[in-house]
Amino acid sequence: MLPDDDVATKVRALMVDALDLRLDPRDIGPQTSLYSPMIQLDSLNLLQLLLAVENEFGGHIEDEDVMEADLETVGDLVALVRRHIAGLRTETPA
Protein backbone atom coordinates (compact mmCIF):
# COMPACT_ATOMS: atom_id res chain seq x y z
CA MET A 1 0.00 0.00 0.00
CA LEU A 2 1.41 3.36 -1.05
CA PRO A 3 1.27 6.35 1.28
CA ASP A 4 -0.88 9.22 -0.02
CA ASP A 5 2.15 11.33 -0.93
CA ASP A 6 3.58 8.46 -2.97
CA VAL A 7 0.30 8.05 -4.87
CA ALA A 8 0.25 11.76 -5.73
CA THR A 9 3.91 11.66 -6.80
CA LYS A 10 3.32 8.58 -8.97
CA VAL A 11 0.19 10.09 -10.57
CA ARG A 12 2.08 13.29 -11.46
CA ALA A 13 4.92 11.22 -12.97
CA LEU A 14 2.40 9.16 -14.95
CA MET A 15 0.81 12.37 -16.21
CA VAL A 16 4.13 13.69 -17.47
CA ASP A 17 4.95 10.38 -19.16
CA ALA A 18 1.52 9.44 -20.58
CA LEU A 19 0.69 12.96 -21.77
CA ASP A 20 4.23 13.69 -22.97
CA LEU A 21 4.36 16.87 -20.91
CA ARG A 22 7.57 18.86 -20.91
CA LEU A 23 7.29 19.47 -17.17
CA ASP A 24 8.89 18.34 -13.97
CA PRO A 25 6.24 16.35 -12.07
CA ARG A 26 7.05 18.45 -8.98
CA ASP A 27 5.78 21.53 -10.84
CA ILE A 28 2.27 20.06 -11.04
CA GLY A 29 0.26 20.99 -7.95
CA PRO A 30 -2.99 19.51 -6.64
CA GLN A 31 -4.93 22.65 -7.64
CA THR A 32 -3.58 22.65 -11.20
CA SER A 33 -6.47 22.46 -13.65
CA LEU A 34 -6.37 19.41 -15.88
CA TYR A 35 -7.58 21.67 -18.68
CA SER A 36 -5.01 24.43 -18.13
CA PRO A 37 -2.48 25.35 -20.82
CA MET A 38 0.04 23.43 -18.70
CA ILE A 39 -1.79 20.07 -18.93
CA GLN A 40 -4.28 20.53 -21.82
CA LEU A 41 -6.22 17.36 -21.04
CA ASP A 42 -8.72 16.21 -23.66
CA SER A 43 -10.77 13.03 -23.93
CA LEU A 44 -8.06 11.06 -25.75
CA ASN A 45 -5.39 12.17 -23.28
CA LEU A 46 -7.68 11.23 -20.40
CA LEU A 47 -8.05 7.73 -21.83
CA GLN A 48 -4.27 7.40 -22.23
CA LEU A 49 -3.76 8.61 -18.68
CA LEU A 50 -6.34 6.24 -17.21
CA LEU A 51 -4.75 3.32 -19.06
CA ALA A 52 -1.36 4.29 -17.63
CA VAL A 53 -2.88 4.41 -14.13
CA GLU A 54 -4.48 0.99 -14.62
CA ASN A 55 -1.18 -0.44 -15.87
CA GLU A 56 0.69 1.00 -12.91
CA PHE A 57 -1.74 0.15 -10.11
CA GLY A 58 -3.72 -2.73 -11.64
CA GLY A 59 -7.43 -3.26 -12.07
CA HIS A 60 -9.85 -1.26 -14.19
CA ILE A 61 -11.28 2.17 -13.45
CA GLU A 62 -14.98 2.09 -14.34
CA ASP A 63 -16.38 4.84 -16.58
CA GLU A 64 -18.97 5.62 -13.93
CA ASP A 65 -16.23 6.24 -11.37
CA VAL A 66 -14.52 8.66 -13.74
CA MET A 67 -17.77 10.51 -14.41
CA GLU A 68 -18.62 10.72 -10.70
CA ALA A 69 -15.12 12.03 -9.92
CA ASP A 70 -15.88 15.27 -11.82
CA LEU A 71 -12.22 15.65 -12.74
CA GLU A 72 -11.22 19.30 -12.77
CA THR A 73 -7.86 19.39 -10.98
CA VAL A 74 -4.84 17.17 -10.49
CA GLY A 75 -6.03 16.71 -6.90
CA ASP A 76 -9.34 15.32 -8.22
CA LEU A 77 -7.43 12.82 -10.35
CA VAL A 78 -5.22 11.79 -7.43
CA ALA A 79 -8.33 11.27 -5.28
CA LEU A 80 -9.84 9.05 -8.00
CA VAL A 81 -6.66 6.96 -8.12
CA ARG A 82 -6.62 6.66 -4.31
CA ARG A 83 -10.23 5.41 -4.35
CA HIS A 84 -9.32 2.99 -7.13
CA ILE A 85 -6.39 1.60 -5.14
CA ALA A 86 -8.54 1.31 -2.01
CA GLY A 87 -11.16 -0.57 -4.04
CA LEU A 88 -8.54 -2.99 -5.31
CA ARG A 89 -7.49 -3.77 -1.74
CA THR A 90 -11.06 -4.53 -0.68
CA GLU A 91 -11.64 -6.77 -3.72
CA THR A 92 -8.49 -8.83 -3.18
CA PRO A 93 -9.02 -11.83 -0.87
CA ALA A 94 -6.69 -11.89 2.12
C-alpha atoms as a PDB file:
ATOM      1  CA  MET A   1       0.000   0.000   0.000  1.00  0.00           C
ATOM      2  CA  LEU A   2       1.409   3.359  -1.046  1.00  0.00           C
ATOM      3  CA  PRO A   3       1.272   6.351   1.283  1.00  0.00           C
ATOM      4  CA  ASP A   4      -0.885   9.220  -0.023  1.00  0.00           C
ATOM      5  CA  ASP A   5       2.147  11.333  -0.928  1.00  0.00           C
ATOM      6  CA  ASP A   6       3.579   8.462  -2.971  1.00  0.00           C
ATOM      7  CA  VAL A   7       0.303   8.051  -4.870  1.00  0.00           C
ATOM      8  CA  ALA A   8       0.252  11.757  -5.733  1.00  0.00           C
ATOM      9  CA  THR A   9       3.913  11.655  -6.801  1.00  0.00           C
ATOM     10  CA  LYS A  10       3.319   8.583  -8.969  1.00  0.00           C
ATOM     11  CA  VAL A  11       0.193  10.088 -10.575  1.00  0.00           C
ATOM     12  CA  ARG A  12       2.078  13.286 -11.460  1.00  0.00           C
ATOM     13  CA  ALA A  13       4.917  11.217 -12.967  1.00  0.00           C
ATOM     14  CA  LEU A  14       2.396   9.160 -14.952  1.00  0.00           C
ATOM     15  CA  MET A  15       0.808  12.367 -16.212  1.00  0.00           C
ATOM     16  CA  VAL A  16       4.135  13.694 -17.467  1.00  0.00           C
ATOM     17  CA  ASP A  17       4.947  10.383 -19.158  1.00  0.00           C
ATOM     18  CA  ALA A  18       1.522   9.440 -20.576  1.00  0.00           C
ATOM     19  CA  LEU A  19       0.690  12.961 -21.770  1.00  0.00           C
ATOM     20  CA  ASP A  20       4.234  13.693 -22.974  1.00  0.00           C
ATOM     21  CA  LEU A  21       4.365  16.867 -20.915  1.00  0.00           C
ATOM     22  CA  ARG A  22       7.568  18.856 -20.907  1.00  0.00           C
ATOM     23  CA  LEU A  23       7.293  19.473 -17.172  1.00  0.00           C
ATOM     24  CA  ASP A  24       8.887  18.341 -13.974  1.00  0.00           C
ATOM     25  CA  PRO A  25       6.235  16.351 -12.074  1.00  0.00           C
ATOM     26  CA  ARG A  26       7.051  18.446  -8.983  1.00  0.00           C
ATOM     27  CA  ASP A  27       5.780  21.533 -10.842  1.00  0.00           C
ATOM     28  CA  ILE A  28       2.270  20.061 -11.041  1.00  0.00           C
ATOM     29  CA  GLY A  29       0.263  20.986  -7.947  1.00  0.00           C
ATOM     30  CA  PRO A  30      -2.986  19.514  -6.642  1.00  0.00           C
ATOM     31  CA  GLN A  31      -4.931  22.651  -7.637  1.00  0.00           C
ATOM     32  CA  THR A  32      -3.578  22.652 -11.205  1.00  0.00           C
ATOM     33  CA  SER A  33      -6.474  22.464 -13.648  1.00  0.00           C
ATOM     34  CA  LEU A  34      -6.367  19.407 -15.876  1.00  0.00           C
ATOM     35  CA  TYR A  35      -7.582  21.673 -18.682  1.00  0.00           C
ATOM     36  CA  SER A  36      -5.012  24.427 -18.131  1.00  0.00           C
ATOM     37  CA  PRO A  37      -2.481  25.350 -20.818  1.00  0.00           C
ATOM     38  CA  MET A  38       0.040  23.429 -18.702  1.00  0.00           C
ATOM     39  CA  ILE A  39      -1.793  20.073 -18.930  1.00  0.00           C
ATOM     40  CA  GLN A  40      -4.283  20.530 -21.820  1.00  0.00           C
ATOM     41  CA  LEU A  41      -6.222  17.355 -21.035  1.00  0.00           C
ATOM     42  CA  ASP A  42      -8.721  16.208 -23.655  1.00  0.00           C
ATOM     43  CA  SER A  43     -10.771  13.027 -23.930  1.00  0.00           C
ATOM     44  CA  LEU A  44      -8.055  11.064 -25.754  1.00  0.00           C
ATOM     45  CA  ASN A  45      -5.389  12.169 -23.279  1.00  0.00           C
ATOM     46  CA  LEU A  46      -7.679  11.226 -20.396  1.00  0.00           C
ATOM     47  CA  LEU A  47      -8.053   7.726 -21.826  1.00  0.00           C
ATOM     48  CA  GLN A  48      -4.267   7.397 -22.225  1.00  0.00           C
ATOM     49  CA  LEU A  49      -3.757   8.610 -18.683  1.00  0.00           C
ATOM     50  CA  LEU A  50      -6.341   6.239 -17.210  1.00  0.00           C
ATOM     51  CA  LEU A  51      -4.750   3.317 -19.057  1.00  0.00           C
ATOM     52  CA  ALA A  52      -1.360   4.294 -17.633  1.00  0.00           C
ATOM     53  CA  VAL A  53      -2.883   4.411 -14.129  1.00  0.00           C
ATOM     54  CA  GLU A  54      -4.484   0.993 -14.616  1.00  0.00           C
ATOM     55  CA  ASN A  55      -1.184  -0.445 -15.875  1.00  0.00           C
ATOM     56  CA  GLU A  56       0.688   0.998 -12.914  1.00  0.00           C
ATOM     57  CA  PHE A  57      -1.735   0.149 -10.113  1.00  0.00           C
ATOM     58  CA  GLY A  58      -3.717  -2.734 -11.645  1.00  0.00           C
ATOM     59  CA  GLY A  59      -7.432  -3.255 -12.074  1.00  0.00           C
ATOM     60  CA  HIS A  60      -9.854  -1.258 -14.188  1.00  0.00           C
ATOM     61  CA  ILE A  61     -11.283   2.168 -13.454  1.00  0.00           C
ATOM     62  CA  GLU A  62     -14.976   2.089 -14.339  1.00  0.00           C
ATOM     63  CA  ASP A  63     -16.376   4.837 -16.585  1.00  0.00           C
ATOM     64  CA  GLU A  64     -18.973   5.616 -13.932  1.00  0.00           C
ATOM     65  CA  ASP A  65     -16.232   6.243 -11.375  1.00  0.00           C
ATOM     66  CA  VAL A  66     -14.516   8.657 -13.742  1.00  0.00           C
ATOM     67  CA  MET A  67     -17.773  10.512 -14.407  1.00  0.00           C
ATOM     68  CA  GLU A  68     -18.620  10.715 -10.695  1.00  0.00           C
ATOM     69  CA  ALA A  69     -15.117  12.035  -9.920  1.00  0.00           C
ATOM     70  CA  ASP A  70     -15.882  15.275 -11.818  1.00  0.00           C
ATOM     71  CA  LEU A  71     -12.223  15.648 -12.739  1.00  0.00           C
ATOM     72  CA  GLU A  72     -11.222  19.301 -12.769  1.00  0.00           C
ATOM     73  CA  THR A  73      -7.864  19.394 -10.980  1.00  0.00           C
ATOM     74  CA  VAL A  74      -4.845  17.169 -10.493  1.00  0.00           C
ATOM     75  CA  GLY A  75      -6.029  16.709  -6.905  1.00  0.00           C
ATOM     76  CA  ASP A  76      -9.339  15.315  -8.216  1.00  0.00           C
ATOM     77  CA  LEU A  77      -7.425  12.822 -10.350  1.00  0.00           C
ATOM     78  CA  VAL A  78      -5.222  11.786  -7.429  1.00  0.00           C
ATOM     79  CA  ALA A  79      -8.332  11.273  -5.281  1.00  0.00           C
ATOM     80  CA  LEU A  80      -9.842   9.046  -8.000  1.00  0.00           C
ATOM     81  CA  VAL A  81      -6.664   6.963  -8.115  1.00  0.00           C
ATOM     82  CA  ARG A  82      -6.617   6.656  -4.308  1.00  0.00           C
ATOM     83  CA  ARG A  83     -10.226   5.408  -4.346  1.00  0.00           C
ATOM     84  CA  HIS A  84      -9.318   2.989  -7.133  1.00  0.00           C
ATOM     85  CA  ILE A  85      -6.385   1.600  -5.138  1.00  0.00           C
ATOM     86  CA  ALA A  86      -8.537   1.312  -2.007  1.00  0.00           C
ATOM     87  CA  GLY A  87     -11.161  -0.572  -4.036  1.00  0.00           C
ATOM     88  CA  LEU A  88      -8.543  -2.990  -5.309  1.00  0.00           C
ATOM     89  CA  ARG A  89      -7.491  -3.774  -1.743  1.00  0.00           C
ATOM     90  CA  THR A  90     -11.060  -4.533  -0.679  1.00  0.00           C
ATOM     91  CA  GLU A  91     -11.636  -6.772  -3.721  1.00  0.00           C
ATOM     92  CA  THR A  92      -8.490  -8.834  -3.177  1.00  0.00           C
ATOM     93  CA  PRO A  93      -9.023 -11.827  -0.871  1.00  0.00           C
ATOM     94  CA  ALA A  94      -6.685 -11.888   2.118  1.00  0.00           C
END
